[in-house]
Amino acid sequence: MKKIFSLLAATTLLTTLAGCDQKSATSDAITPATTQTQSQPTAEPETNTVKVDHPQGTTEVHKNPNNVVTFDFGTLDTLDALGVTSVRALPTKSIPAYLSKYANDSIINAGNMKQPDLEAIKPLNPELIIITGRQGKSYESLSEVAPTLNLSINNKLYLDSFKKNVLTLGQIFGKTEQAENGLAVLDKKIAESRKKAEASGQSAIVLVHYNGKLSASATNGYATIIHQVLGVKKADTNLGEERQSGTPDYLLEKNPDIIFIVDRNEAIGEGKMDRSLMEDDKIKQTNAFRKGKIVYLKPDLWYLSGGGLENLSLQIDEINTAIQ
């Protein structure tokens, strides 16, 4: 598996040039903006703690915490890329394939993606618990066990929010330089991808499959990465937050050059999409079908994970391949 930090050897000089390079690459991607919903670490030099503002409050965290519990595989991805080895519990039954090394006896099952197992977590005496919106309802009970951060990504400003989370983790675990270097590598990769997407002129629709039904949205995490971060043109410029049924009539009307599909069923272990759904006579008339560009994205990479240093790099690779 290609690691994001395998690229860092070639970018050592970015340590002194990171500020300049990040500004240039970010201007090619998205102009960062600060929102109240994204994590904003504020260090207190006099102490050994970091205060983090997040969607569910402000939490003070000790630096370099031990026995970390994370329900967010994007966070696990970033911690792995940064070389942090203190994760002790996570939802072990849902681990994405590219993070399979964490499926071992040394890692405790912390529950499932939506329901934490407090009885399994408490004996660990964790010093930090990380969640996202999927576990938001359990925030108070988890906070009674250990300092808890909600590192959900703000899809309206995906890249800015993603970077805040990476830098927050870098600051907490004493890996700020590594985090900045990793982001500099991604900034360059994103800028190159945006230029490629613009030059291709291809439009796309992003569909999510579940139980035989397809839906489109321009504001979920998958679509924001493809359209907002990577600059792939929208086939439906009127598509907003409301879900649109991905019927053959709709797809023929919008006639995308590429159809990206995230299969939720496969991601959560409930079978796979019947791909004959995409062989409808009307869908066959679309540019996407005629050009062989109905693209099934890796479900664990997109649905189970997201917002990690390696994860975003791998997602960019998949989109780049489709644009070619």
C-alpha atoms as a PDB file:
ATOM      1  CA  MET A   1       0.000   0.000   0.000  1.00  0.00           C
ATOM      2  CA  LYS A   2       1.389   3.295  -0.968  1.00  0.00           C
ATOM      3  CA  LYS A   3       1.828   5.472   2.093  1.00  0.00           C
ATOM      4  CA  ILE A   4       1.544   9.226   2.018  1.00  0.00           C
ATOM      5  CA  PHE A   5       4.767   9.471   3.976  1.00  0.00           C
ATOM      6  CA  SER A   6       6.669   7.511   1.393  1.00  0.00           C
ATOM      7  CA  LEU A   7       6.590  10.791  -0.525  1.00  0.00           C
ATOM      8  CA  LEU A   8       8.075  12.859   2.300  1.00  0.00           C
ATOM      9  CA  ALA A   9      11.666  11.853   1.594  1.00  0.00           C
ATOM     10  CA  ALA A  10      11.417  13.785  -1.635  1.00  0.00           C
ATOM     11  CA  THR A  11       9.997  16.816   0.098  1.00  0.00           C
ATOM     12  CA  THR A  12      12.462  17.390   2.928  1.00  0.00           C
ATOM     13  CA  LEU A  13      13.191  20.888   1.710  1.00  0.00           C
ATOM     14  CA  LEU A  14       9.550  21.774   2.229  1.00  0.00           C
ATOM     15  CA  THR A  15      10.273  22.124   5.929  1.00  0.00           C
ATOM     16  CA  THR A  16      11.616  25.608   5.278  1.00  0.00           C
ATOM     17  CA  LEU A  17       9.400  26.371   2.316  1.00  0.00           C
ATOM     18  CA  ALA A  18       6.116  24.880   3.627  1.00  0.00           C
ATOM     19  CA  GLY A  19       4.464  28.217   4.317  1.00  0.00           C
ATOM     20  CA  CYS A  20       5.011  29.424   0.746  1.00  0.00           C
ATOM     21  CA  ASP A  21       4.106  26.105  -0.892  1.00  0.00           C
ATOM     22  CA  GLN A  22       0.980  25.592   1.193  1.00  0.00           C
ATOM     23  CA  LYS A  23      -0.295  29.031   0.335  1.00  0.00           C
ATOM     24  CA  SER A  24       0.232  28.433  -3.378  1.00  0.00           C
ATOM     25  CA  ALA A  25      -1.340  24.939  -3.437  1.00  0.00           C
ATOM     26  CA  THR A  26      -4.258  25.968  -1.290  1.00  0.00           C
ATOM     27  CA  SER A  27      -5.050  28.876  -3.578  1.00  0.00           C
ATOM     28  CA  ASP A  28      -5.351  26.333  -6.386  1.00  0.00           C
ATOM     29  CA  ALA A  29      -7.721  24.280  -4.299  1.00  0.00           C
ATOM     30  CA  ILE A  30      -9.877  26.120  -1.767  1.00  0.00           C
ATOM     31  CA  THR A  31      -9.401  29.370   0.060  1.00  0.00           C
ATOM     32  CA  PRO A  32      -9.417  28.354   3.731  1.00  0.00           C
ATOM     33  CA  ALA A  33     -12.003  29.921   5.980  1.00  0.00           C
ATOM     34  CA  THR A  34     -12.526  29.521   9.674  1.00  0.00           C
ATOM     35  CA  THR A  35     -15.842  28.210  10.967  1.00  0.00           C
ATOM     36  CA  GLN A  36     -17.091  27.500  14.429  1.00  0.00           C
ATOM     37  CA  THR A  37     -17.669  23.860  13.548  1.00  0.00           C
ATOM     38  CA  GLN A  38     -14.102  22.893  12.811  1.00  0.00           C
ATOM     39  CA  SER A  39     -11.351  21.971  15.248  1.00  0.00           C
ATOM     40  CA  GLN A  40      -9.108  24.854  16.270  1.00  0.00           C
ATOM     41  CA  PRO A  41      -6.193  23.850  18.512  1.00  0.00           C
ATOM     42  CA  THR A  42      -4.821  26.532  20.807  1.00  0.00           C
ATOM     43  CA  ALA A  43      -1.657  25.555  22.621  1.00  0.00           C
ATOM     44  CA  GLU A  44      -0.799  26.839  26.073  1.00  0.00           C
ATOM     45  CA  PRO A  45       2.999  26.923  26.182  1.00  0.00           C
ATOM     46  CA  GLU A  46       3.039  27.080  30.001  1.00  0.00           C
ATOM     47  CA  THR A  47       1.290  23.715  30.330  1.00  0.00           C
ATOM     48  CA  ASN A  48       1.456  20.224  28.925  1.00  0.00           C
ATOM     49  CA  THR A  49      -2.018  20.472  27.443  1.00  0.00           C
ATOM     50  CA  VAL A  50      -3.770  21.561  24.257  1.00  0.00           C
ATOM     51  CA  LYS A  51      -7.229  23.137  24.187  1.00  0.00           C
ATOM     52  CA  VAL A  52      -9.301  22.104  21.186  1.00  0.00           C
ATOM     53  CA  ASP A  53     -12.525  23.732  20.026  1.00  0.00           C
ATOM     54  CA  HIS A  54     -14.761  21.226  18.277  1.00  0.00           C
ATOM     55  CA  PRO A  55     -18.455  20.849  17.374  1.00  0.00           C
ATOM     56  CA  GLN A  56     -19.419  19.673  20.857  1.00  0.00           C
ATOM     57  CA  GLY A  57     -17.434  22.086  23.001  1.00  0.00           C
ATOM     58  CA  THR A  58     -13.875  22.866  24.090  1.00  0.00           C
ATOM     59  CA  THR A  59     -11.754  20.036  25.443  1.00  0.00           C
ATOM     60  CA  GLU A  60      -8.384  20.195  27.154  1.00  0.00           C
ATOM     61  CA  VAL A  61      -6.129  17.297  26.214  1.00  0.00           C
ATOM     62  CA  HIS A  62      -2.787  16.254  27.655  1.00  0.00           C
ATOM     63  CA  LYS A  63      -0.030  16.106  25.056  1.00  0.00           C
ATOM     64  CA  ASN A  64       1.113  12.658  23.949  1.00  0.00           C
ATOM     65  CA  PRO A  65      -1.839  10.831  25.559  1.00  0.00           C
ATOM     66  CA  ASN A  66      -1.678   7.094  26.157  1.00  0.00           C
ATOM     67  CA  ASN A  67      -4.299   4.406  25.501  1.00  0.00           C
ATOM     68  CA  VAL A  68      -6.061   6.373  22.797  1.00  0.00           C
ATOM     69  CA  VAL A  69      -9.522   5.265  21.652  1.00  0.00           C
ATOM     70  CA  THR A  70     -10.718   6.346  18.217  1.00  0.00           C
ATOM     71  CA  PHE A  71     -14.004   5.663  16.470  1.00  0.00           C
ATOM     72  CA  ASP A  72     -12.830   7.598  13.424  1.00  0.00           C
ATOM     73  CA  PHE A  73     -10.762   5.688  10.875  1.00  0.00           C
ATOM     74  CA  GLY A  74      -9.682   8.947   9.258  1.00  0.00           C
ATOM     75  CA  THR A  75      -8.046   9.844  12.569  1.00  0.00           C
ATOM     76  CA  LEU A  76      -6.483   6.378  12.816  1.00  0.00           C
ATOM     77  CA  ASP A  77      -5.164   6.872   9.284  1.00  0.00           C
ATOM     78  CA  THR A  78      -3.536  10.205  10.179  1.00  0.00           C
ATOM     79  CA  LEU A  79      -2.080   8.916  13.455  1.00  0.00           C
ATOM     80  CA  ASP A  80      -0.625   5.956  11.582  1.00  0.00           C
ATOM     81  CA  ALA A  81       0.904   8.263   8.971  1.00  0.00           C
ATOM     82  CA  LEU A  82       2.384  10.439  11.719  1.00  0.00           C
ATOM     83  CA  GLY A  83       3.926   7.429  13.465  1.00  0.00           C
ATOM     84  CA  VAL A  84       1.731   7.582  16.581  1.00  0.00           C
ATOM     85  CA  THR A  85       1.536   4.168  18.285  1.00  0.00           C
ATOM     86  CA  SER A  86      -0.716   4.805  21.284  1.00  0.00           C
ATOM     87  CA  VAL A  87      -4.080   3.717  19.793  1.00  0.00           C
ATOM     88  CA  ARG A  88      -5.495   0.896  21.927  1.00  0.00           C
ATOM     89  CA  ALA A  89      -9.145   0.600  20.922  1.00  0.00           C
ATOM     90  CA  LEU A  90     -11.374   1.137  17.879  1.00  0.00           C
ATOM     91  CA  PRO A  91     -14.355  -0.529  16.144  1.00  0.00           C
ATOM     92  CA  THR A  92     -12.387  -3.606  15.118  1.00  0.00           C
ATOM     93  CA  LYS A  93     -15.182  -5.219  13.097  1.00  0.00           C
ATOM     94  CA  SER A  94     -15.218  -2.329  10.589  1.00  0.00           C
ATOM     95  CA  ILE A  95     -11.529  -1.724   9.914  1.00  0.00           C
ATOM     96  CA  PRO A  96     -10.850  -0.639   6.298  1.00  0.00           C
ATOM     97  CA  ALA A  97      -8.668  -3.057   4.353  1.00  0.00           C
ATOM     98  CA  TYR A  98      -5.798  -0.588   3.983  1.00  0.00           C
ATOM     99  CA  LEU A  99      -5.605  -0.309   7.799  1.00  0.00           C
ATOM    100  CA  SER A 100      -5.853  -4.059   8.378  1.00  0.00           C
ATOM    101  CA  LYS A 101      -2.660  -4.152  10.437  1.00  0.00           C
ATOM    102  CA  TYR A 102      -4.791  -2.834  13.322  1.00  0.00           C
ATOM    103  CA  ALA A 103      -6.905  -5.991  13.239  1.00  0.00           C
ATOM    104  CA  ASN A 104      -4.827  -7.742  15.871  1.00  0.00           C
ATOM    105  CA  ASP A 105      -5.136  -8.980  19.449  1.00  0.00           C
ATOM    106  CA  SER A 106      -3.443  -5.885  20.897  1.00  0.00           C
ATOM    107  CA  ILE A 107      -6.354  -3.669  19.802  1.00  0.00           C
ATOM    108  CA  ILE A 108      -9.566  -3.730  21.871  1.00  0.00           C
ATOM    109  CA  ASN A 109     -12.965  -3.629  20.176  1.00  0.00           C
ATOM    110  CA  ALA A 110     -14.444  -0.281  21.278  1.00  0.00           C
ATOM    111  CA  GLY A 111     -17.926  -1.070  19.933  1.00  0.00           C
ATOM    112  CA  ASN A 112     -19.456  -0.413  16.559  1.00  0.00           C
ATOM    113  CA  MET A 113     -19.467   2.697  14.388  1.00  0.00           C
ATOM    114  CA  LYS A 114     -22.532   4.152  16.102  1.00  0.00           C
ATOM    115  CA  GLN A 115     -22.604   2.551  19.556  1.00  0.00           C
ATOM    116  CA  PRO A 116     -19.497   2.712  21.781  1.00  0.00           C
ATOM    117  CA  ASP A 117     -18.912  -0.124  24.257  1.00  0.00           C
ATOM    118  CA  LEU A 118     -18.219   1.766  27.469  1.00  0.00           C
ATOM    119  CA  GLU A 119     -17.549  -1.401  29.461  1.00  0.00           C
ATOM    120  CA  ALA A 120     -14.743  -2.327  27.063  1.00  0.00           C
ATOM    121  CA  ILE A 121     -13.283   1.175  27.015  1.00  0.00           C
ATOM    122  CA  LYS A 122     -13.225   2.026  30.733  1.00  0.00           C
ATOM    123  CA  PRO A 123     -10.651  -0.611  31.837  1.00  0.00           C
ATOM    124  CA  LEU A 124      -8.142   0.876  29.403  1.00  0.00           C
ATOM    125  CA  ASN A 125      -8.069   4.152  31.357  1.00  0.00           C
ATOM    126  CA  PRO A 126      -7.767   6.076  28.088  1.00  0.00           C
ATOM    127  CA  GLU A 127      -6.317   9.587  28.070  1.00  0.00           C
ATOM    128  CA  LEU A 128      -8.090  10.579  24.831  1.00  0.00           C
ATOM    129  CA  ILE A 129     -11.190   9.460  22.919  1.00  0.00           C
ATOM    130  CA  ILE A 130     -11.855  10.663  19.370  1.00  0.00           C
ATOM    131  CA  ILE A 131     -15.279  10.520  17.712  1.00  0.00           C
ATOM    132  CA  THR A 132     -17.183  11.958  14.765  1.00  0.00           C
ATOM    133  CA  GLY A 133     -20.843  12.753  14.216  1.00  0.00           C
ATOM    134  CA  ARG A 134     -21.706   9.045  14.068  1.00  0.00           C
ATOM    135  CA  GLN A 135     -20.974   8.795  17.796  1.00  0.00           C
ATOM    136  CA  GLY A 136     -22.146  12.323  18.655  1.00  0.00           C
ATOM    137  CA  LYS A 137     -25.001  11.130  20.888  1.00  0.00           C
ATOM    138  CA  SER A 138     -22.495   9.327  23.112  1.00  0.00           C
ATOM    139  CA  TYR A 139     -20.289  12.373  23.636  1.00  0.00           C
ATOM    140  CA  GLU A 140     -21.344  13.066  27.234  1.00  0.00           C
ATOM    141  CA  SER A 141     -20.960   9.464  28.408  1.00  0.00           C
ATOM    142  CA  LEU A 142     -17.594   9.146  26.701  1.00  0.00           C
ATOM    143  CA  SER A 143     -16.433  12.459  28.178  1.00  0.00           C
ATOM    144  CA  GLU A 144     -16.970  10.969  31.634  1.00  0.00           C
ATOM    145  CA  VAL A 145     -14.412   8.301  30.766  1.00  0.00           C
ATOM    146  CA  ALA A 146     -11.737  10.524  29.171  1.00  0.00           C
ATOM    147  CA  PRO A 147     -11.278  13.846  27.323  1.00  0.00           C
ATOM    148  CA  THR A 148     -13.262  13.414  24.116  1.00  0.00           C
ATOM    149  CA  LEU A 149     -12.883  15.257  20.813  1.00  0.00           C
ATOM    150  CA  ASN A 150     -15.392  15.310  17.976  1.00  0.00           C
ATOM    151  CA  LEU A 151     -13.214  15.624  14.876  1.00  0.00           C
ATOM    152  CA  SER A 152     -16.054  15.665  12.364  1.00  0.00           C
ATOM    153  CA  ILE A 153     -15.186  17.354   9.088  1.00  0.00           C
ATOM    154  CA  ASN A 154     -17.193  20.352   7.933  1.00  0.00           C
ATOM    155  CA  ASN A 155     -18.202  19.362   4.402  1.00  0.00           C
ATOM    156  CA  LYS A 156     -18.889  22.964   3.437  1.00  0.00           C
ATOM    157  CA  LEU A 157     -15.169  23.680   3.843  1.00  0.00           C
ATOM    158  CA  TYR A 158     -13.760  20.194   3.528  1.00  0.00           C
ATOM    159  CA  LEU A 159     -10.096  20.911   2.898  1.00  0.00           C
ATOM    160  CA  ASP A 160      -9.780  23.611   5.535  1.00  0.00           C
ATOM    161  CA  SER A 161     -11.547  21.440   8.114  1.00  0.00           C
ATOM    162  CA  PHE A 162      -9.431  18.421   7.179  1.00  0.00           C
ATOM    163  CA  LYS A 163      -6.230  20.419   7.635  1.00  0.00           C
ATOM    164  CA  LYS A 164      -7.345  21.716  11.024  1.00  0.00           C
ATOM    165  CA  ASN A 165      -7.863  18.142  12.210  1.00  0.00           C
ATOM    166  CA  VAL A 166      -4.469  16.983  10.945  1.00  0.00           C
ATOM    167  CA  LEU A 167      -2.709  19.911  12.609  1.00  0.00           C
ATOM    168  CA  THR A 168      -4.680  19.355  15.823  1.00  0.00           C
ATOM    169  CA  LEU A 169      -3.481  15.758  15.986  1.00  0.00           C
ATOM    170  CA  GLY A 170       0.046  16.849  15.125  1.00  0.00           C
ATOM    171  CA  GLN A 171       0.026  19.336  17.987  1.00  0.00           C
ATOM    172  CA  ILE A 172      -1.417  16.877  20.513  1.00  0.00           C
ATOM    173  CA  PHE A 173       1.092  14.148  19.693  1.00  0.00           C
ATOM    174  CA  GLY A 174       4.167  16.321  19.131  1.00  0.00           C
ATOM    175  CA  LYS A 175       4.154  15.681  15.381  1.00  0.00           C
ATOM    176  CA  THR A 176       3.532  19.193  14.056  1.00  0.00           C
ATOM    177  CA  GLU A 177       6.413  19.159  11.578  1.00  0.00           C
ATOM    178  CA  GLN A 178       5.358  15.793  10.176  1.00  0.00           C
ATOM    179  CA  ALA A 179       1.758  16.995   9.883  1.00  0.00           C
ATOM    180  CA  GLU A 180       2.777  20.151   8.034  1.00  0.00           C
ATOM    181  CA  ASN A 181       5.022  18.205   5.662  1.00  0.00           C
ATOM    182  CA  GLY A 182       2.252  15.696   4.960  1.00  0.00           C
ATOM    183  CA  LEU A 183      -0.173  18.500   4.179  1.00  0.00           C
ATOM    184  CA  ALA A 184       2.365  20.161   1.888  1.00  0.00           C
ATOM    185  CA  VAL A 185       2.635  16.932  -0.129  1.00  0.00           C
ATOM    186  CA  LEU A 186      -1.163  16.727  -0.369  1.00  0.00           C
ATOM    187  CA  ASP A 187      -1.458  20.397  -1.349  1.00  0.00           C
ATOM    188  CA  LYS A 188       0.787  19.758  -4.340  1.00  0.00           C
ATOM    189  CA  LYS A 189      -1.134  16.620  -5.281  1.00  0.00           C
ATOM    190  CA  ILE A 190      -4.489  18.403  -5.012  1.00  0.00           C
ATOM    191  CA  ALA A 191      -3.300  21.318  -7.158  1.00  0.00           C
ATOM    192  CA  GLU A 192      -2.132  18.912  -9.863  1.00  0.00           C
ATOM    193  CA  SER A 193      -5.434  17.026  -9.725  1.00  0.00           C
ATOM    194  CA  ARG A 194      -7.477  20.197 -10.058  1.00  0.00           C
ATOM    195  CA  LYS A 195      -5.531  21.213 -13.153  1.00  0.00           C
ATOM    196  CA  LYS A 196      -6.085  17.772 -14.611  1.00  0.00           C
ATOM    197  CA  ALA A 197      -9.828  17.887 -13.887  1.00  0.00           C
ATOM    198  CA  GLU A 198     -10.176  21.344 -15.420  1.00  0.00           C
ATOM    199  CA  ALA A 199      -8.237  20.362 -18.538  1.00  0.00           C
ATOM    200  CA  SER A 200     -10.366  17.249 -19.038  1.00  0.00           C
ATOM    201  CA  GLY A 201     -13.640  19.207 -18.962  1.00  0.00           C
ATOM    202  CA  GLN A 202     -15.416  16.049 -17.800  1.00  0.00           C
ATOM    203  CA  SER A 203     -18.490  16.283 -15.596  1.00  0.00           C
ATOM    204  CA  ALA A 204     -19.530  13.822 -12.914  1.00  0.00           C
ATOM    205  CA  ILE A 205     -22.318  12.708 -10.618  1.00  0.00           C
ATOM    206  CA  VAL A 206     -21.590  10.976  -7.312  1.00  0.00           C
ATOM    207  CA  LEU A 207     -24.080   8.271  -6.284  1.00  0.00           C
ATOM    208  CA  VAL A 208     -24.454   6.355  -3.018  1.00  0.00           C
ATOM    209  CA  HIS A 209     -25.998   2.890  -3.234  1.00  0.00           C
ATOM    210  CA  TYR A 210     -27.992   1.249  -0.452  1.00  0.00           C
ATOM    211  CA  ASN A 211     -30.426  -1.646  -0.746  1.00  0.00           C
ATOM    212  CA  GLY A 212     -30.924  -1.327  -4.468  1.00  0.00           C
ATOM    213  CA  LYS A 213     -31.463   2.436  -4.465  1.00  0.00           C
ATOM    214  CA  LEU A 214     -29.143   5.149  -5.733  1.00  0.00           C
ATOM    215  CA  SER A 215     -29.058   8.725  -4.481  1.00  0.00           C
ATOM    216  CA  ALA A 216     -27.073  11.806  -5.466  1.00  0.00           C
ATOM    217  CA  SER A 217     -25.980  14.762  -3.368  1.00  0.00           C
ATOM    218  CA  ALA A 218     -23.495  17.557  -3.929  1.00  0.00           C
ATOM    219  CA  THR A 219     -22.783  18.157  -0.254  1.00  0.00           C
ATOM    220  CA  ASN A 220     -21.948  14.779   1.300  1.00  0.00           C
ATOM    221  CA  GLY A 221     -18.311  13.992   2.039  1.00  0.00           C
ATOM    222  CA  TYR A 222     -17.774  11.987  -1.139  1.00  0.00           C
ATOM    223  CA  ALA A 223     -19.140  14.666  -3.460  1.00  0.00           C
ATOM    224  CA  THR A 224     -17.317  17.496  -1.701  1.00  0.00           C
ATOM    225  CA  ILE A 225     -13.973  15.753  -2.156  1.00  0.00           C
ATOM    226  CA  ILE A 226     -14.624  15.145  -5.844  1.00  0.00           C
ATOM    227  CA  HIS A 227     -16.223  18.486  -6.730  1.00  0.00           C
ATOM    228  CA  GLN A 228     -15.043  20.968  -4.102  1.00  0.00           C
ATOM    229  CA  VAL A 229     -11.543  19.721  -3.312  1.00  0.00           C
ATOM    230  CA  LEU A 230     -10.516  18.192  -6.654  1.00  0.00           C
ATOM    231  CA  GLY A 231     -12.504  20.507  -8.926  1.00  0.00           C
ATOM    232  CA  VAL A 232     -14.331  17.891 -11.003  1.00  0.00           C
ATOM    233  CA  LYS A 233     -17.206  19.610 -12.812  1.00  0.00           C
ATOM    234  CA  LYS A 234     -20.755  18.896 -11.609  1.00  0.00           C
ATOM    235  CA  ALA A 235     -23.073  17.339 -14.171  1.00  0.00           C
ATOM    236  CA  ASP A 236     -26.009  18.668 -12.134  1.00  0.00           C
ATOM    237  CA  THR A 237     -25.252  22.266 -11.196  1.00  0.00           C
ATOM    238  CA  ASN A 238     -28.562  22.602  -9.332  1.00  0.00           C
ATOM    239  CA  LEU A 239     -27.909  19.678  -7.004  1.00  0.00           C
ATOM    240  CA  GLY A 240     -27.638  20.808  -3.389  1.00  0.00           C
ATOM    241  CA  GLU A 241     -28.092  19.375   0.087  1.00  0.00           C
ATOM    242  CA  GLU A 242     -31.296  17.527  -0.735  1.00  0.00           C
ATOM    243  CA  ARG A 243     -30.805  13.977  -1.931  1.00  0.00           C
ATOM    244  CA  GLN A 244     -31.773  13.318  -5.510  1.00  0.00           C
ATOM    245  CA  SER A 245     -32.898   9.848  -6.530  1.00  0.00           C
ATOM    246  CA  GLY A 246     -30.391   8.498  -9.045  1.00  0.00           C
ATOM    247  CA  THR A 247     -32.956   7.111 -11.456  1.00  0.00           C
ATOM    248  CA  PRO A 248     -32.152   6.227 -15.075  1.00  0.00           C
ATOM    249  CA  ASP A 249     -34.258   9.217 -16.196  1.00  0.00           C
ATOM    250  CA  TYR A 250     -32.264  11.570 -13.976  1.00  0.00           C
ATOM    251  CA  LEU A 251     -28.905  10.194 -15.125  1.00  0.00           C
ATOM    252  CA  LEU A 252     -29.891  10.411 -18.778  1.00  0.00           C
ATOM    253  CA  GLU A 253     -31.111  13.993 -18.334  1.00  0.00           C
ATOM    254  CA  LYS A 254     -27.868  15.140 -16.667  1.00  0.00           C
ATOM    255  CA  ASN A 255     -25.722  12.926 -18.915  1.00  0.00           C
ATOM    256  CA  PRO A 256     -22.504  12.910 -16.839  1.00  0.00           C
ATOM    257  CA  ASP A 257     -19.172  11.917 -18.362  1.00  0.00           C
ATOM    258  CA  ILE A 258     -18.349   9.967 -15.199  1.00  0.00           C
ATOM    259  CA  ILE A 259     -20.621   8.293 -12.641  1.00  0.00           C
ATOM    260  CA  PHE A 260     -18.931   7.606  -9.298  1.00  0.00           C
ATOM    261  CA  ILE A 261     -20.625   5.072  -7.022  1.00  0.00           C
ATOM    262  CA  VAL A 262     -20.048   4.440  -3.297  1.00  0.00           C
ATOM    263  CA  ASP A 263     -21.645   1.147  -2.233  1.00  0.00           C
ATOM    264  CA  ARG A 264     -22.801   1.479   1.365  1.00  0.00           C
ATOM    265  CA  ASN A 265     -24.000  -2.131   1.466  1.00  0.00           C
ATOM    266  CA  GLU A 266     -20.540  -3.435   0.670  1.00  0.00           C
ATOM    267  CA  ALA A 267     -18.883  -1.043   3.117  1.00  0.00           C
ATOM    268  CA  ILE A 268     -20.923  -2.271   6.083  1.00  0.00           C
ATOM    269  CA  GLY A 269     -20.863  -5.941   5.127  1.00  0.00           C
ATOM    270  CA  GLU A 270     -24.417  -6.242   3.840  1.00  0.00           C
ATOM    271  CA  GLY A 271     -23.691  -7.676   0.411  1.00  0.00           C
ATOM    272  CA  LYS A 272     -22.835  -5.825  -2.776  1.00  0.00           C
ATOM    273  CA  MET A 273     -24.684  -3.716  -5.280  1.00  0.00           C
ATOM    274  CA  ASP A 274     -26.211  -5.578  -8.207  1.00  0.00           C
ATOM    275  CA  ARG A 275     -24.274  -3.865 -10.973  1.00  0.00           C
ATOM    276  CA  SER A 276     -26.905  -4.764 -13.526  1.00  0.00           C
ATOM    277  CA  LEU A 277     -28.738  -1.708 -12.124  1.00  0.00           C
ATOM    278  CA  MET A 278     -26.393   0.361 -14.275  1.00  0.00           C
ATOM    279  CA  GLU A 279     -27.275  -1.517 -17.451  1.00  0.00           C
ATOM    280  CA  ASP A 280     -30.655   0.129 -17.865  1.00  0.00           C
ATOM    281  CA  ASP A 281     -31.326   1.179 -21.465  1.00  0.00           C
ATOM    282  CA  LYS A 282     -31.463   4.862 -20.496  1.00  0.00           C
ATOM    283  CA  ILE A 283     -28.222   4.705 -18.526  1.00  0.00           C
ATOM    284  CA  LYS A 284     -26.583   3.046 -21.511  1.00  0.00           C
ATOM    285  CA  GLN A 285     -27.215   6.258 -23.447  1.00  0.00           C
ATOM    286  CA  THR A 286     -25.162   8.394 -21.058  1.00  0.00           C
ATOM    287  CA  ASN A 287     -21.621   9.496 -21.847  1.00  0.00           C
ATOM    288  CA  ALA A 288     -20.441   7.715 -18.705  1.00  0.00           C
ATOM    289  CA  PHE A 289     -21.717   4.329 -19.830  1.00  0.00           C
ATOM    290  CA  ARG A 290     -20.633   4.722 -23.451  1.00  0.00           C
ATOM    291  CA  LYS A 291     -17.111   5.730 -22.390  1.00  0.00           C
ATOM    292  CA  GLY A 292     -16.826   2.982 -19.778  1.00  0.00           C
ATOM    293  CA  LYS A 293     -16.695   5.466 -16.932  1.00  0.00           C
ATOM    294  CA  ILE A 294     -19.071   4.085 -14.350  1.00  0.00           C
ATOM    295  CA  VAL A 295     -16.587   3.993 -11.484  1.00  0.00           C
ATOM    296  CA  TYR A 296     -17.148   1.951  -8.319  1.00  0.00           C
ATOM    297  CA  LEU A 297     -15.072   3.632  -5.625  1.00  0.00           C
ATOM    298  CA  LYS A 298     -13.516   1.476  -2.910  1.00  0.00           C
ATOM    299  CA  PRO A 299     -16.298   1.442  -0.298  1.00  0.00           C
ATOM    300  CA  ASP A 300     -14.153   1.060   2.812  1.00  0.00           C
ATOM    301  CA  LEU A 301     -11.860   3.855   1.643  1.00  0.00           C
ATOM    302  CA  TRP A 302     -14.768   6.247   1.084  1.00  0.00           C
ATOM    303  CA  TYR A 303     -17.571   5.155   3.423  1.00  0.00           C
ATOM    304  CA  LEU A 304     -15.759   3.736   6.461  1.00  0.00           C
ATOM    305  CA  SER A 305     -12.748   6.026   6.387  1.00  0.00           C
ATOM    306  CA  GLY A 306     -12.274   9.637   5.318  1.00  0.00           C
ATOM    307  CA  GLY A 307     -10.336  12.694   6.360  1.00  0.00           C
ATOM    308  CA  GLY A 308      -6.978  10.989   6.887  1.00  0.00           C
ATOM    309  CA  LEU A 309      -3.599  11.872   5.390  1.00  0.00           C
ATOM    310  CA  GLU A 310      -3.194   8.585   3.553  1.00  0.00           C
ATOM    311  CA  ASN A 311      -6.908   8.223   2.923  1.00  0.00           C
ATOM    312  CA  LEU A 312      -7.244  11.483   1.010  1.00  0.00           C
ATOM    313  CA  SER A 313      -4.164  10.678  -1.048  1.00  0.00           C
ATOM    314  CA  LEU A 314      -5.626   7.302  -2.033  1.00  0.00           C
ATOM    315  CA  GLN A 315      -8.965   8.910  -2.872  1.00  0.00           C
ATOM    316  CA  ILE A 316      -7.207  11.397  -5.142  1.00  0.00           C
ATOM    317  CA  ASP A 317      -5.493   8.492  -6.907  1.00  0.00           C
ATOM    318  CA  GLU A 318      -8.862   6.867  -7.644  1.00  0.00           C
ATOM    319  CA  ILE A 319     -10.337  10.089  -9.055  1.00  0.00           C
ATOM    320  CA  ASN A 320      -7.226  10.797 -11.138  1.00  0.00           C
ATOM    321  CA  THR A 321      -7.473   7.342 -12.703  1.00  0.00           C
ATOM    322  CA  ALA A 322     -11.111   7.939 -13.618  1.00  0.00           C
ATOM    323  CA  ILE A 323     -10.431  11.324 -15.204  1.00  0.00           C
ATOM    324  CA  GLN A 324      -7.775   9.924 -17.567  1.00  0.00           C
END
